[in-house]
């Protein structure tokens, strides 16, 4: 009886681990789909990644060096991407931190952005996703952007 109980407990723990893994994977898939849509200049696929009322923001400084936040409508972002030929915008991310609590996910992704296959800038994306009836959707993304201190810059300086 003890062996059966331990076996059952083991199966339950494995099932919980598989569920957690599939949830994390489904969150990552939405974010990866966003960047695939950007590379392909596919505005319909891009917009499918976002929840209704979603917001895109950039934390940075204005032309006078004052800190602030710039907000871009999803429709404006999609329109800008749609005007580019496929392959023009290529944002390469790594998943640094992912936290999930029920219908809320928070994801931190450092990135490098390439424009027309040339390194342009780097930074970090902070995503908030919500689980809706149709699946995980991006509710908010805020990023930073910089040109110094990027991996590509350091590599080019050492060559």
Protein backbone atom coordinates (compact mmCIF):
# COMPACT_ATOMS: atom_id res chain seq x y z
CA UNK A 1 0.00 0.00 0.00
CA UNK A 2 2.85 2.36 0.83
CA UNK A 3 4.42 1.70 -2.59
CA UNK A 4 1.13 2.51 -4.35
CA UNK A 5 0.78 5.76 -2.39
CA UNK A 6 4.34 6.80 -3.26
CA UNK A 7 3.80 5.90 -6.91
CA UNK A 8 0.55 7.88 -7.01
CA UNK A 9 2.24 10.88 -5.36
CA UNK A 10 5.03 10.67 -7.94
CA UNK A 11 2.54 10.67 -10.82
CA UNK A 12 0.70 13.67 -9.36
CA UNK A 13 3.96 15.61 -8.99
CA UNK A 14 4.95 14.79 -12.59
CA UNK A 15 1.50 15.84 -13.83
CA UNK A 16 1.83 19.15 -12.00
CA UNK A 17 5.29 19.69 -13.50
CA UNK A 18 4.00 18.92 -17.01
CA UNK A 19 1.08 21.36 -16.51
CA UNK A 20 3.43 24.12 -15.29
CA UNK A 21 5.75 23.47 -18.23
CA UNK A 22 2.93 23.61 -20.76
CA UNK A 23 1.62 26.86 -19.26
CA UNK A 24 5.08 28.45 -19.41
CA UNK A 25 5.51 27.18 -22.96
CA UNK A 26 2.16 28.62 -24.02
CA UNK A 27 3.13 32.03 -22.60
CA UNK A 28 6.48 31.90 -24.43
CA UNK A 29 4.72 30.86 -27.64
CA UNK A 30 2.62 34.04 -27.69
CA UNK A 31 5.72 36.20 -27.28
CA UNK A 32 7.63 34.24 -29.93
CA UNK A 33 4.62 34.57 -32.26
CA UNK A 34 4.78 38.35 -31.84
CA UNK A 35 8.39 38.49 -33.01
CA UNK A 36 7.77 36.03 -35.84
CA UNK A 37 4.91 38.27 -37.03
CA UNK A 38 7.23 41.29 -36.84
CA UNK A 39 9.89 39.55 -38.95
CA UNK A 40 7.25 38.52 -41.49
CA UNK A 41 5.55 41.97 -41.43
CA UNK A 42 2.28 40.10 -40.79
CA UNK A 43 -0.02 42.64 -39.14
CA UNK A 44 -2.92 40.22 -38.67
CA UNK A 45 -0.75 37.68 -36.83
CA UNK A 46 0.85 40.49 -34.83
CA UNK A 47 -2.50 41.86 -33.66
CA UNK A 48 -3.66 38.34 -32.68
CA UNK A 49 -0.96 38.33 -29.97
CA UNK A 50 -2.56 41.23 -28.08
CA UNK A 51 -5.55 41.47 -25.76
CA UNK A 52 -8.21 44.11 -26.43
CA UNK A 53 -7.04 47.43 -24.98
CA UNK A 54 -3.39 46.34 -24.84
CA UNK A 55 -0.69 48.96 -24.49
CA UNK A 56 2.89 49.26 -25.78
CA UNK A 57 5.19 51.68 -23.98
CA UNK A 58 8.85 52.64 -24.01
CA UNK A 59 10.68 53.93 -20.93
CA UNK A 60 13.43 56.32 -21.90
CA UNK A 61 14.36 59.95 -22.20
CA UNK A 62 13.09 62.71 -24.43
CA UNK A 63 15.26 64.88 -26.71
CA UNK A 64 16.25 67.02 -23.71
CA UNK A 65 17.32 64.01 -21.64
CA UNK A 66 14.29 64.03 -19.33
CA UNK A 67 13.01 60.59 -18.27
CA UNK A 68 9.57 59.62 -19.46
CA UNK A 69 7.30 57.08 -21.10
CA UNK A 70 6.14 56.99 -24.71
CA UNK A 71 2.92 55.11 -25.50
CA UNK A 72 2.14 53.55 -28.88
CA UNK A 73 -1.26 52.18 -29.89
CA UNK A 74 -1.27 48.56 -31.05
CA UNK A 75 -2.88 49.68 -34.31
CA UNK A 76 -0.09 52.20 -34.91
CA UNK A 77 2.58 49.63 -34.11
CA UNK A 78 0.97 47.08 -36.44
CA UNK A 79 0.62 49.67 -39.22
CA UNK A 80 4.32 50.62 -38.94
CA UNK A 81 5.38 46.96 -39.09
CA UNK A 82 3.02 46.32 -42.01
CA UNK A 83 4.69 49.06 -44.08
CA UNK A 84 8.06 47.29 -43.83
CA UNK A 85 9.14 44.53 -46.19
CA UNK A 86 9.33 41.11 -44.54
CA UNK A 87 12.69 40.61 -42.84
CA UNK A 88 13.23 44.31 -42.08
CA UNK A 89 12.43 44.22 -38.33
CA UNK A 90 14.13 41.40 -36.43
CA UNK A 91 14.00 41.45 -32.64
CA UNK A 92 15.93 38.61 -31.03
CA UNK A 93 15.02 37.87 -27.42
CA UNK A 94 16.08 35.64 -24.58
CA UNK A 95 13.70 34.63 -21.81
CA UNK A 96 15.24 35.82 -18.56
CA UNK A 97 12.37 35.57 -16.05
CA UNK A 98 8.87 34.17 -16.31
CA UNK A 99 6.31 34.25 -13.48
CA UNK A 100 2.77 32.90 -13.68
CA UNK A 101 -0.06 33.18 -11.17
CA UNK A 102 -3.36 31.88 -12.50
CA UNK A 103 -4.44 34.12 -15.38
CA UNK A 104 -1.49 36.54 -15.08
CA UNK A 105 2.02 36.11 -16.49
CA UNK A 106 5.00 38.44 -16.23
CA UNK A 107 7.94 37.92 -18.60
CA UNK A 108 11.30 39.74 -18.81
CA UNK A 109 13.15 39.41 -22.13
CA UNK A 110 16.45 41.12 -22.92
CA UNK A 111 16.66 41.72 -26.67
CA UNK A 112 18.75 42.84 -29.62
CA UNK A 113 16.99 44.62 -32.48
CA UNK A 114 18.15 44.42 -36.09
CA UNK A 115 16.86 46.70 -38.83
CA UNK A 116 17.52 45.51 -42.38
CA UNK A 117 19.86 42.85 -40.94
CA UNK A 118 22.04 45.50 -39.24
CA UNK A 119 22.26 45.76 -35.45
CA UNK A 120 20.27 48.82 -34.36
CA UNK A 121 19.77 48.77 -30.58
CA UNK A 122 19.22 46.59 -27.53
CA UNK A 123 17.22 46.71 -24.32
CA UNK A 124 14.73 44.78 -22.26
CA UNK A 125 11.04 44.00 -22.78
CA UNK A 126 8.71 43.59 -19.82
CA UNK A 127 5.54 41.73 -20.82
CA UNK A 128 2.30 41.29 -18.89
CA UNK A 129 0.05 38.62 -20.34
CA UNK A 130 -3.47 37.59 -19.38
CA UNK A 131 -5.17 34.28 -20.00
CA UNK A 132 -8.44 34.88 -21.82
CA UNK A 133 -10.95 32.29 -23.10
CA UNK A 134 -9.02 32.14 -26.39
CA UNK A 135 -5.66 31.71 -24.63
CA UNK A 136 -2.76 33.87 -23.46
CA UNK A 137 -2.64 37.42 -24.83
CA UNK A 138 -0.24 40.32 -24.29
CA UNK A 139 -1.93 43.05 -22.24
CA UNK A 140 1.06 45.33 -21.76
CA UNK A 141 4.62 45.55 -22.99
CA UNK A 142 7.14 48.13 -21.89
CA UNK A 143 10.66 48.26 -23.24
CA UNK A 144 13.91 50.12 -22.89
CA UNK A 145 16.16 51.02 -25.80
CA UNK A 146 19.85 51.83 -25.90
CA UNK A 147 22.77 51.66 -28.28
CA UNK A 148 25.63 51.47 -25.76
CA UNK A 149 26.43 48.54 -23.52
CA UNK A 150 24.98 46.08 -26.02
CA UNK A 151 26.59 42.70 -26.67
CA UNK A 152 27.10 43.55 -30.37
CA UNK A 153 28.89 46.78 -29.47
CA UNK A 154 31.28 44.98 -27.11
CA UNK A 155 31.94 42.27 -29.70
CA UNK A 156 32.69 44.84 -32.41
CA UNK A 157 35.09 46.70 -30.08
CA UNK A 158 37.10 43.52 -29.41
CA UNK A 159 37.60 42.69 -33.08
